[in-house]
Amino acid sequence: MGEISIKINIADRVYPLRVDIEEEEVIRHAAKLINEKIKELQDNYAVRDKQDLLSMCVLQYATGMIKAERNAQQHEEGLEERIHELDNVLTEFFKK
């Protein structure tokens, strides 16, 4: 569609961005989740440095993303295997 200018606050810093209109909600939600995770880490650990909190936050999100990608890949491989099995069954059925 079109681009808009927005300001996103992450860890008490404002970042001006130009984003597609349809991405605005996702970006704002992501910033909210990041700030909530930073607050949670700050409350649970004796870390006050924003850079350390951001690094810990990124590590947690990256770990979650890698796990989700691996899980999706495993499901995809399992689905591919089932499709081959079904193809073999159908091929045998139609040969008769």
Foldseek 3Di string as FASTA:
>chain_A
DAWDWDWAAALNDIDIDIDDPVCVVVVNVVRVVRNVQLVVCVVPDVDDDSVVSSVVSVVVVVVVVVVVVVVVVVVVVVVVVVVVVVVVVVVVVVVD
